Amino acid sequence: MNISNAEKAHILVQALPYIQKYYGKTVVIKYGGNAMINDDLKSAVMSDIALLKLVGINVVLVHGGGPEITEMLGRVNKESRFVNGMRVTDKETIDIVQMVLAGKVNKSLVQHLQKCGAPAVGLCGLDGNMLMAEKLITSEDIGFVGEITQVNPKVISDVINNGFVPIISTVAGSVSGDVYNINADIAASRIAAELGACKLILMTDIRGLLRDKNDENTLIPSVNVSEVPMLKREGIISGGMIPKIDCCVEAVRRGVSRAYIIDGRIPHSILIEMLTAEGIGTMFY
């Protein structure tokens, strides 16, 4: 697509009010799904974050890495098993989770973002006791899967204040010394609240909340968190969307101004959400 210089200038001018609005503010982005796997989408995400950083918006990137963990477990002939969407994490698995998330995936994202011109620092929940957790109790023992008990944001704030983009993998420590695997959506929600972020953005592989889950043209653009229980009763919020939306509700109730579920399959979806009037996905307020 060829865009004239005049059109490029018009696009930049249209983005100016949003750059001014969010200048110096903090935005937490949970990065996962197809946007982490597809190289073109990954490049688009990294360039979006670099641009936001360069215009003075503080971005905190919280990431998952499920496919990479599954691949590594396969290499050691260990089966991946899930209960209600949560990975069963025994002692060997948590060691692999920590190695893959805090090591390979995290440092790869740091390197990729720095290639786009934004200085980055890789962190995990163990650094500075950022994320503290206890064992998540469920009807079936799923091992070293944790529930966050405390978020200590100082190390994140220090990284931001020194001009870097924090890239965070979601393994957590505990008072017992055990390491726990933490759901990245939940971690992003709690981190956003503790940082006083103006926005939480969860990247997914669907357009947002749909009134009819089989029709992407039925996107619900905005939801007041008080409407969520009714939407659950009506079956509009169901299945895998429940925990994601619960994270958005939790963030808003803890003081985050807006939370969004956006489609990470769309290139530059972050910029569309942040710097245009139309936005993208579903906003919770």
C-alpha atoms as a PDB file:
ATOM      1  CA  MET A   1       0.000   0.000   0.000  1.00  0.00           C
ATOM      2  CA  ASN A   2       1.443   3.340  -1.091  1.00  0.00           C
ATOM      3  CA  ILE A   3       0.816   6.263   1.241  1.00  0.00           C
ATOM      4  CA  SER A   4       1.685   9.793   0.201  1.00  0.00           C
ATOM      5  CA  ASN A   5       3.804  12.044   2.372  1.00  0.00           C
ATOM      6  CA  ALA A   6       0.747  14.205   3.038  1.00  0.00           C
ATOM      7  CA  GLU A   7      -1.198  11.169   4.241  1.00  0.00           C
ATOM      8  CA  LYS A   8       1.692  10.130   6.491  1.00  0.00           C
ATOM      9  CA  ALA A   9       1.773  13.617   8.008  1.00  0.00           C
ATOM     10  CA  HIS A  10      -2.001  13.504   8.566  1.00  0.00           C
ATOM     11  CA  ILE A  11      -1.696  10.162  10.382  1.00  0.00           C
ATOM     12  CA  LEU A  12       0.986  11.565  12.679  1.00  0.00           C
ATOM     13  CA  VAL A  13      -1.076  14.669  13.459  1.00  0.00           C
ATOM     14  CA  GLN A  14      -4.104  12.486  14.275  1.00  0.00           C
ATOM     15  CA  ALA A  15      -1.968  10.515  16.752  1.00  0.00           C
ATOM     16  CA  LEU A  16      -0.643  13.640  18.511  1.00  0.00           C
ATOM     17  CA  PRO A  17      -3.515  14.068  21.050  1.00  0.00           C
ATOM     18  CA  TYR A  18      -3.078  10.472  22.199  1.00  0.00           C
ATOM     19  CA  ILE A  19       0.685  10.829  22.495  1.00  0.00           C
ATOM     20  CA  GLN A  20       0.114  13.927  24.634  1.00  0.00           C
ATOM     21  CA  LYS A  21      -2.542  12.151  26.712  1.00  0.00           C
ATOM     22  CA  TYR A  22      -0.334   9.176  27.550  1.00  0.00           C
ATOM     23  CA  TYR A  23       3.037  10.929  27.748  1.00  0.00           C
ATOM     24  CA  GLY A  24       4.753   9.902  30.979  1.00  0.00           C
ATOM     25  CA  LYS A  25       1.987   7.401  31.793  1.00  0.00           C
ATOM     26  CA  THR A  26       2.472   3.661  32.281  1.00  0.00           C
ATOM     27  CA  VAL A  27       0.824   0.993  30.139  1.00  0.00           C
ATOM     28  CA  VAL A  28       1.066  -2.725  30.946  1.00  0.00           C
ATOM     29  CA  ILE A  29       0.814  -5.080  27.974  1.00  0.00           C
ATOM     30  CA  LYS A  30       0.364  -8.820  28.338  1.00  0.00           C
ATOM     31  CA  TYR A  31       1.970 -10.405  25.297  1.00  0.00           C
ATOM     32  CA  GLY A  32       1.004 -13.901  24.221  1.00  0.00           C
ATOM     33  CA  GLY A  33      -0.853 -15.996  21.676  1.00  0.00           C
ATOM     34  CA  ASN A  34      -0.189 -15.979  17.956  1.00  0.00           C
ATOM     35  CA  ALA A  35       1.621 -12.630  18.170  1.00  0.00           C
ATOM     36  CA  MET A  36       4.452 -14.431  19.996  1.00  0.00           C
ATOM     37  CA  ILE A  37       4.697 -17.233  17.441  1.00  0.00           C
ATOM     38  CA  ASN A  38       4.305 -15.463  14.095  1.00  0.00           C
ATOM     39  CA  ASP A  39       7.534 -13.624  13.209  1.00  0.00           C
ATOM     40  CA  ASP A  40       5.781 -10.819  11.304  1.00  0.00           C
ATOM     41  CA  LEU A  41       3.372 -10.177  14.162  1.00  0.00           C
ATOM     42  CA  LYS A  42       6.213 -10.302  16.675  1.00  0.00           C
ATOM     43  CA  SER A  43       8.113  -7.669  14.691  1.00  0.00           C
ATOM     44  CA  ALA A  44       4.986  -5.484  14.596  1.00  0.00           C
ATOM     45  CA  VAL A  45       4.543  -5.767  18.380  1.00  0.00           C
ATOM     46  CA  MET A  46       8.177  -4.904  19.063  1.00  0.00           C
ATOM     47  CA  SER A  47       8.087  -1.894  16.740  1.00  0.00           C
ATOM     48  CA  ASP A  48       4.834  -0.699  18.370  1.00  0.00           C
ATOM     49  CA  ILE A  49       6.416  -0.880  21.831  1.00  0.00           C
ATOM     50  CA  ALA A  50       9.571   0.868  20.624  1.00  0.00           C
ATOM     51  CA  LEU A  51       7.520   3.695  19.122  1.00  0.00           C
ATOM     52  CA  LEU A  52       5.480   4.141  22.313  1.00  0.00           C
ATOM     53  CA  LYS A  53       8.670   4.220  24.341  1.00  0.00           C
ATOM     54  CA  LEU A  54      10.297   6.775  22.049  1.00  0.00           C
ATOM     55  CA  VAL A  55       7.314   9.162  22.324  1.00  0.00           C
ATOM     56  CA  GLY A  56       7.488   9.084  26.122  1.00  0.00           C
ATOM     57  CA  ILE A  57       5.008   6.360  27.116  1.00  0.00           C
ATOM     58  CA  ASN A  58       6.232   3.884  29.737  1.00  0.00           C
ATOM     59  CA  VAL A  59       5.527   0.349  28.550  1.00  0.00           C
ATOM     60  CA  VAL A  60       5.768  -2.725  30.783  1.00  0.00           C
ATOM     61  CA  LEU A  61       5.667  -5.974  28.811  1.00  0.00           C
ATOM     62  CA  VAL A  62       4.495  -9.118  30.631  1.00  0.00           C
ATOM     63  CA  HIS A  63       4.804 -12.289  28.592  1.00  0.00           C
ATOM     64  CA  GLY A  64       3.805 -15.912  28.516  1.00  0.00           C
ATOM     65  CA  GLY A  65       5.497 -18.730  26.632  1.00  0.00           C
ATOM     66  CA  GLY A  66       3.270 -21.795  26.683  1.00  0.00           C
ATOM     67  CA  PRO A  67       4.217 -23.181  23.243  1.00  0.00           C
ATOM     68  CA  GLU A  68       7.944 -22.891  24.002  1.00  0.00           C
ATOM     69  CA  ILE A  69       7.453 -24.692  27.338  1.00  0.00           C
ATOM     70  CA  THR A  70       5.495 -27.457  25.635  1.00  0.00           C
ATOM     71  CA  GLU A  71       8.212 -27.807  22.998  1.00  0.00           C
ATOM     72  CA  MET A  72      10.965 -28.090  25.620  1.00  0.00           C
ATOM     73  CA  LEU A  73       8.988 -30.628  27.643  1.00  0.00           C
ATOM     74  CA  GLY A  74       8.602 -32.655  24.461  1.00  0.00           C
ATOM     75  CA  ARG A  75      12.360 -32.664  23.975  1.00  0.00           C
ATOM     76  CA  VAL A  76      12.794 -34.384  27.335  1.00  0.00           C
ATOM     77  CA  ASN A  77       9.910 -36.757  26.580  1.00  0.00           C
ATOM     78  CA  LYS A  78       7.628 -35.196  29.170  1.00  0.00           C
ATOM     79  CA  GLU A  79       3.932 -34.913  28.395  1.00  0.00           C
ATOM     80  CA  SER A  80       2.151 -31.589  28.837  1.00  0.00           C
ATOM     81  CA  ARG A  81      -1.066 -31.949  30.813  1.00  0.00           C
ATOM     82  CA  PHE A  82      -3.631 -29.282  31.626  1.00  0.00           C
ATOM     83  CA  VAL A  83      -6.442 -29.069  34.172  1.00  0.00           C
ATOM     84  CA  ASN A  84      -9.023 -26.318  33.571  1.00  0.00           C
ATOM     85  CA  GLY A  85      -6.557 -24.557  31.303  1.00  0.00           C
ATOM     86  CA  MET A  86      -3.689 -24.647  33.831  1.00  0.00           C
ATOM     87  CA  ARG A  87      -0.499 -26.572  33.168  1.00  0.00           C
ATOM     88  CA  VAL A  88       0.160 -29.367  35.648  1.00  0.00           C
ATOM     89  CA  THR A  89       3.590 -28.354  36.959  1.00  0.00           C
ATOM     90  CA  ASP A  90       5.621 -30.927  38.877  1.00  0.00           C
ATOM     91  CA  LYS A  91       9.155 -30.292  40.155  1.00  0.00           C
ATOM     92  CA  GLU A  92      10.842 -31.127  36.833  1.00  0.00           C
ATOM     93  CA  THR A  93       8.326 -29.027  34.914  1.00  0.00           C
ATOM     94  CA  ILE A  94       8.763 -25.909  37.085  1.00  0.00           C
ATOM     95  CA  ASP A  95      12.514 -26.095  36.471  1.00  0.00           C
ATOM     96  CA  ILE A  96      11.835 -26.153  32.721  1.00  0.00           C
ATOM     97  CA  VAL A  97       9.242 -23.372  33.012  1.00  0.00           C
ATOM     98  CA  GLN A  98      11.759 -21.162  34.809  1.00  0.00           C
ATOM     99  CA  MET A  99      14.504 -21.963  32.308  1.00  0.00           C
ATOM    100  CA  VAL A 100      12.331 -21.308  29.244  1.00  0.00           C
ATOM    101  CA  LEU A 101      10.345 -18.274  30.450  1.00  0.00           C
ATOM    102  CA  ALA A 102      13.005 -16.396  32.412  1.00  0.00           C
ATOM    103  CA  GLY A 103      15.774 -17.513  30.073  1.00  0.00           C
ATOM    104  CA  LYS A 104      15.213 -18.231  26.402  1.00  0.00           C
ATOM    105  CA  VAL A 105      11.891 -16.453  25.820  1.00  0.00           C
ATOM    106  CA  ASN A 106      12.602 -13.417  27.998  1.00  0.00           C
ATOM    107  CA  LYS A 107      16.053 -12.701  26.638  1.00  0.00           C
ATOM    108  CA  SER A 108      14.909 -13.252  23.061  1.00  0.00           C
ATOM    109  CA  LEU A 109      12.273 -10.536  23.545  1.00  0.00           C
ATOM    110  CA  VAL A 110      14.834  -8.199  25.119  1.00  0.00           C
ATOM    111  CA  GLN A 111      17.105  -8.659  22.125  1.00  0.00           C
ATOM    112  CA  HIS A 112      14.275  -8.194  19.629  1.00  0.00           C
ATOM    113  CA  LEU A 113      13.029  -4.983  21.246  1.00  0.00           C
ATOM    114  CA  GLN A 114      16.534  -3.524  21.419  1.00  0.00           C
ATOM    115  CA  LYS A 115      16.944  -4.186  17.692  1.00  0.00           C
ATOM    116  CA  CYS A 116      13.923  -1.917  17.243  1.00  0.00           C
ATOM    117  CA  GLY A 117      15.694   0.863  19.124  1.00  0.00           C
ATOM    118  CA  ALA A 118      14.162   0.614  22.612  1.00  0.00           C
ATOM    119  CA  PRO A 119      16.484  -0.269  25.525  1.00  0.00           C
ATOM    120  CA  ALA A 120      15.043  -3.163  27.517  1.00  0.00           C
ATOM    121  CA  VAL A 121      15.764  -5.147  30.675  1.00  0.00           C
ATOM    122  CA  GLY A 122      14.559  -8.696  31.205  1.00  0.00           C
ATOM    123  CA  LEU A 123      13.080  -9.500  34.611  1.00  0.00           C
ATOM    124  CA  CYS A 124      11.200 -12.342  36.238  1.00  0.00           C
ATOM    125  CA  GLY A 125       8.983 -12.405  39.307  1.00  0.00           C
ATOM    126  CA  LEU A 126      11.905 -13.630  41.424  1.00  0.00           C
ATOM    127  CA  ASP A 127      13.875 -10.402  40.895  1.00  0.00           C
ATOM    128  CA  GLY A 128      13.551  -8.111  43.892  1.00  0.00           C
ATOM    129  CA  ASN A 129      10.768 -10.387  45.213  1.00  0.00           C
ATOM    130  CA  MET A 130       8.607  -8.747  42.554  1.00  0.00           C
ATOM    131  CA  LEU A 131       6.006 -11.540  42.594  1.00  0.00           C
ATOM    132  CA  MET A 132       5.370 -13.563  45.738  1.00  0.00           C
ATOM    133  CA  ALA A 133       2.977 -16.480  45.640  1.00  0.00           C
ATOM    134  CA  GLU A 134       1.620 -19.489  47.446  1.00  0.00           C
ATOM    135  CA  LYS A 135       0.429 -22.793  46.053  1.00  0.00           C
ATOM    136  CA  LEU A 136      -2.870 -22.542  44.164  1.00  0.00           C
ATOM    137  CA  ILE A 137      -5.303 -24.959  45.791  1.00  0.00           C
ATOM    138  CA  THR A 138      -7.645 -26.679  43.338  1.00  0.00           C
ATOM    139  CA  SER A 139      -9.764 -29.837  43.359  1.00  0.00           C
ATOM    140  CA  GLU A 140      -6.869 -31.669  41.703  1.00  0.00           C
ATOM    141  CA  ASP A 141      -3.258 -31.100  42.729  1.00  0.00           C
ATOM    142  CA  ILE A 142      -1.592 -29.302  39.808  1.00  0.00           C
ATOM    143  CA  GLY A 143       1.791 -28.890  41.455  1.00  0.00           C
ATOM    144  CA  PHE A 144       3.858 -25.705  41.403  1.00  0.00           C
ATOM    145  CA  VAL A 145       1.157 -23.386  40.070  1.00  0.00           C
ATOM    146  CA  GLY A 146       0.904 -20.307  42.229  1.00  0.00           C
ATOM    147  CA  GLU A 147      -1.549 -17.690  43.387  1.00  0.00           C
ATOM    148  CA  ILE A 148      -0.066 -14.209  43.811  1.00  0.00           C
ATOM    149  CA  THR A 149       0.022 -12.998  47.399  1.00  0.00           C
ATOM    150  CA  GLN A 150       2.096  -9.842  46.936  1.00  0.00           C
ATOM    151  CA  VAL A 151       3.489  -7.632  44.173  1.00  0.00           C
ATOM    152  CA  ASN A 152       6.572  -5.533  44.928  1.00  0.00           C
ATOM    153  CA  PRO A 153       6.845  -3.087  42.024  1.00  0.00           C
ATOM    154  CA  LYS A 154      10.016  -1.225  43.056  1.00  0.00           C
ATOM    155  CA  VAL A 155      12.346  -3.104  40.713  1.00  0.00           C
ATOM    156  CA  ILE A 156       9.956  -2.426  37.803  1.00  0.00           C
ATOM    157  CA  SER A 157       9.744   1.283  38.682  1.00  0.00           C
ATOM    158  CA  ASP A 158      13.524   1.493  38.972  1.00  0.00           C
ATOM    159  CA  VAL A 159      13.940   0.003  35.493  1.00  0.00           C
ATOM    160  CA  ILE A 160      11.378   2.433  34.031  1.00  0.00           C
ATOM    161  CA  ASN A 161      12.939   5.429  35.786  1.00  0.00           C
ATOM    162  CA  ASN A 162      16.315   4.523  34.306  1.00  0.00           C
ATOM    163  CA  GLY A 163      14.934   4.647  30.784  1.00  0.00           C
ATOM    164  CA  PHE A 164      14.377   0.963  30.023  1.00  0.00           C
ATOM    165  CA  VAL A 165      11.371  -1.138  29.036  1.00  0.00           C
ATOM    166  CA  PRO A 166      10.833  -3.915  31.622  1.00  0.00           C
ATOM    167  CA  ILE A 167      10.083  -7.287  30.034  1.00  0.00           C
ATOM    168  CA  ILE A 168       8.710  -9.623  32.700  1.00  0.00           C
ATOM    169  CA  SER A 169       8.339 -13.396  32.800  1.00  0.00           C
ATOM    170  CA  THR A 170       5.818 -14.696  35.277  1.00  0.00           C
ATOM    171  CA  VAL A 171       7.505 -17.086  37.655  1.00  0.00           C
ATOM    172  CA  ALA A 172       7.134 -16.181  41.322  1.00  0.00           C
ATOM    173  CA  GLY A 173       8.942 -16.790  44.583  1.00  0.00           C
ATOM    174  CA  SER A 174       7.501 -17.765  47.939  1.00  0.00           C
ATOM    175  CA  VAL A 175       8.348 -17.561  51.625  1.00  0.00           C
ATOM    176  CA  SER A 176       9.025 -21.317  51.524  1.00  0.00           C
ATOM    177  CA  GLY A 177      11.642 -20.874  48.802  1.00  0.00           C
ATOM    178  CA  ASP A 178       9.583 -22.709  46.184  1.00  0.00           C
ATOM    179  CA  VAL A 179       9.169 -21.279  42.669  1.00  0.00           C
ATOM    180  CA  TYR A 180       5.686 -21.094  41.163  1.00  0.00           C
ATOM    181  CA  ASN A 181       4.312 -20.818  37.641  1.00  0.00           C
ATOM    182  CA  ILE A 182       1.906 -17.851  37.423  1.00  0.00           C
ATOM    183  CA  ASN A 183      -0.776 -17.170  34.814  1.00  0.00           C
ATOM    184  CA  ALA A 184       0.539 -14.235  32.767  1.00  0.00           C
ATOM    185  CA  ASP A 185      -2.869 -12.508  32.472  1.00  0.00           C
ATOM    186  CA  ILE A 186      -3.260 -12.510  36.254  1.00  0.00           C
ATOM    187  CA  ALA A 187       0.305 -11.304  36.783  1.00  0.00           C
ATOM    188  CA  ALA A 188      -0.155  -8.466  34.268  1.00  0.00           C
ATOM    189  CA  SER A 189      -3.383  -7.397  35.983  1.00  0.00           C
ATOM    190  CA  ARG A 190      -1.795  -7.268  39.432  1.00  0.00           C
ATOM    191  CA  ILE A 191       1.356  -5.525  38.153  1.00  0.00           C
ATOM    192  CA  ALA A 192      -0.752  -2.893  36.359  1.00  0.00           C
ATOM    193  CA  ALA A 193      -2.667  -2.170  39.563  1.00  0.00           C
ATOM    194  CA  GLU A 194       0.454  -1.885  41.724  1.00  0.00           C
ATOM    195  CA  LEU A 195       2.134   0.443  39.225  1.00  0.00           C
ATOM    196  CA  GLY A 196      -0.938   2.656  38.950  1.00  0.00           C
ATOM    197  CA  ALA A 197      -1.000   2.037  35.186  1.00  0.00           C
ATOM    198  CA  CYS A 198      -3.503   3.952  33.088  1.00  0.00           C
ATOM    199  CA  LYS A 199      -4.084   0.943  30.831  1.00  0.00           C
ATOM    200  CA  LEU A 200      -3.862  -2.829  30.887  1.00  0.00           C
ATOM    201  CA  ILE A 201      -3.843  -4.461  27.457  1.00  0.00           C
ATOM    202  CA  LEU A 202      -4.268  -8.233  27.079  1.00  0.00           C
ATOM    203  CA  MET A 203      -3.315  -9.508  23.624  1.00  0.00           C
ATOM    204  CA  THR A 204      -5.339 -12.553  22.520  1.00  0.00           C
ATOM    205  CA  ASP A 205      -6.200 -14.535  19.402  1.00  0.00           C
ATOM    206  CA  ILE A 206      -9.775 -13.237  19.116  1.00  0.00           C
ATOM    207  CA  ARG A 207     -11.203  -9.811  18.345  1.00  0.00           C
ATOM    208  CA  GLY A 208     -12.427  -9.229  21.886  1.00  0.00           C
ATOM    209  CA  LEU A 209     -15.670 -10.045  23.680  1.00  0.00           C
ATOM    210  CA  LEU A 210     -18.251 -11.195  21.146  1.00  0.00           C
ATOM    211  CA  ARG A 211     -22.009 -11.222  21.696  1.00  0.00           C
ATOM    212  CA  ASP A 212     -22.036 -14.305  19.455  1.00  0.00           C
ATOM    213  CA  LYS A 213     -18.768 -16.221  19.822  1.00  0.00           C
ATOM    214  CA  ASN A 214     -19.155 -17.591  16.272  1.00  0.00           C
ATOM    215  CA  ASP A 215     -19.535 -14.173  14.659  1.00  0.00           C
ATOM    216  CA  GLU A 216     -16.624 -11.722  14.863  1.00  0.00           C
ATOM    217  CA  ASN A 217     -18.921  -8.951  13.643  1.00  0.00           C
ATOM    218  CA  THR A 218     -20.695  -9.005  17.041  1.00  0.00           C
ATOM    219  CA  LEU A 219     -17.800  -7.403  18.921  1.00  0.00           C
ATOM    220  CA  ILE A 220     -18.832  -5.571  22.090  1.00  0.00           C
ATOM    221  CA  PRO A 221     -16.577  -2.478  22.076  1.00  0.00           C
ATOM    222  CA  SER A 222     -16.967  -1.475  25.733  1.00  0.00           C
ATOM    223  CA  VAL A 223     -18.204  -3.016  28.971  1.00  0.00           C
ATOM    224  CA  ASN A 224     -18.751  -1.478  32.382  1.00  0.00           C
ATOM    225  CA  VAL A 225     -17.333  -3.942  34.922  1.00  0.00           C
ATOM    226  CA  SER A 226     -20.705  -3.890  36.720  1.00  0.00           C
ATOM    227  CA  GLU A 227     -22.226  -5.553  33.622  1.00  0.00           C
ATOM    228  CA  VAL A 228     -19.894  -8.564  33.737  1.00  0.00           C
ATOM    229  CA  PRO A 229     -21.988 -10.765  36.085  1.00  0.00           C
ATOM    230  CA  MET A 230     -25.043 -10.322  33.839  1.00  0.00           C
ATOM    231  CA  LEU A 231     -23.007 -11.141  30.719  1.00  0.00           C
ATOM    232  CA  LYS A 232     -21.801 -14.316  32.440  1.00  0.00           C
ATOM    233  CA  ARG A 233     -25.360 -15.331  33.317  1.00  0.00           C
ATOM    234  CA  GLU A 234     -26.397 -14.757  29.701  1.00  0.00           C
ATOM    235  CA  GLY A 235     -23.553 -16.991  28.503  1.00  0.00           C
ATOM    236  CA  ILE A 236     -21.922 -14.184  26.511  1.00  0.00           C
ATOM    237  CA  ILE A 237     -18.866 -14.428  28.763  1.00  0.00           C
ATOM    238  CA  SER A 238     -18.023 -18.121  28.939  1.00  0.00           C
ATOM    239  CA  GLY A 239     -15.236 -20.664  28.635  1.00  0.00           C
ATOM    240  CA  GLY A 240     -11.721 -19.354  28.189  1.00  0.00           C
ATOM    241  CA  MET A 241     -12.893 -15.736  28.159  1.00  0.00           C
ATOM    242  CA  ILE A 242     -13.955 -15.876  31.819  1.00  0.00           C
ATOM    243  CA  PRO A 243     -10.458 -15.759  33.371  1.00  0.00           C
ATOM    244  CA  LYS A 244      -9.250 -13.076  30.928  1.00  0.00           C
ATOM    245  CA  ILE A 245     -12.218 -10.839  31.634  1.00  0.00           C
ATOM    246  CA  ASP A 246     -11.918 -11.479  35.371  1.00  0.00           C
ATOM    247  CA  CYS A 247      -8.351 -10.143  35.099  1.00  0.00           C
ATOM    248  CA  CYS A 248      -9.633  -6.994  33.402  1.00  0.00           C
ATOM    249  CA  VAL A 249     -12.318  -6.523  36.071  1.00  0.00           C
ATOM    250  CA  GLU A 250      -9.771  -7.057  38.858  1.00  0.00           C
ATOM    251  CA  ALA A 251      -7.410  -4.479  37.336  1.00  0.00           C
ATOM    252  CA  VAL A 252     -10.141  -1.846  36.999  1.00  0.00           C
ATOM    253  CA  ARG A 253     -11.384  -2.450  40.545  1.00  0.00           C
ATOM    254  CA  ARG A 254      -7.807  -2.058  41.806  1.00  0.00           C
ATOM    255  CA  GLY A 255      -7.514   1.359  40.164  1.00  0.00           C
ATOM    256  CA  VAL A 256      -6.425   0.834  36.533  1.00  0.00           C
ATOM    257  CA  SER A 257      -8.464   3.297  34.453  1.00  0.00           C
ATOM    258  CA  ARG A 258      -9.097   1.021  31.483  1.00  0.00           C
ATOM    259  CA  ALA A 259      -8.423  -2.606  30.590  1.00  0.00           C
ATOM    260  CA  TYR A 260      -8.578  -3.997  27.068  1.00  0.00           C
ATOM    261  CA  ILE A 261      -8.731  -7.338  25.306  1.00  0.00           C
ATOM    262  CA  ILE A 262      -7.361  -6.858  21.805  1.00  0.00           C
ATOM    263  CA  ASP A 263      -6.692  -9.075  18.801  1.00  0.00           C
ATOM    264  CA  GLY A 264      -2.966  -9.756  18.590  1.00  0.00           C
ATOM    265  CA  ARG A 265      -3.447 -11.342  15.155  1.00  0.00           C
ATOM    266  CA  ILE A 266      -3.891  -7.869  13.683  1.00  0.00           C
ATOM    267  CA  PRO A 267      -0.551  -6.183  12.887  1.00  0.00           C
ATOM    268  CA  HIS A 268       0.093  -3.054  14.988  1.00  0.00           C
ATOM    269  CA  SER A 269      -3.010  -3.685  17.114  1.00  0.00           C
ATOM    270  CA  ILE A 270      -1.268  -1.948  20.044  1.00  0.00           C
ATOM    271  CA  LEU A 271      -0.844   1.302  18.102  1.00  0.00           C
ATOM    272  CA  ILE A 272      -4.415   1.083  16.808  1.00  0.00           C
ATOM    273  CA  GLU A 273      -5.627   0.829  20.398  1.00  0.00           C
ATOM    274  CA  MET A 274      -3.314   3.457  21.862  1.00  0.00           C
ATOM    275  CA  LEU A 275      -3.123   6.137  19.177  1.00  0.00           C
ATOM    276  CA  THR A 276      -6.402   6.163  17.241  1.00  0.00           C
ATOM    277  CA  ALA A 277      -9.945   7.322  17.993  1.00  0.00           C
ATOM    278  CA  GLU A 278     -11.547   4.018  16.981  1.00  0.00           C
ATOM    279  CA  GLY A 279      -9.373   1.720  19.058  1.00  0.00           C
ATOM    280  CA  ILE A 280      -9.689  -2.039  18.745  1.00  0.00           C
ATOM    281  CA  GLY A 281     -11.060  -4.928  20.777  1.00  0.00           C
ATOM    282  CA  THR A 282     -13.150  -4.601  23.961  1.00  0.00           C
ATOM    283  CA  MET A 283     -12.589  -1.974  26.645  1.00  0.00           C
ATOM    284  CA  PHE A 284     -13.485  -2.585  30.307  1.00  0.00           C
ATOM    285  CA  TYR A 285     -14.023   0.453  32.499  1.00  0.00           C
END
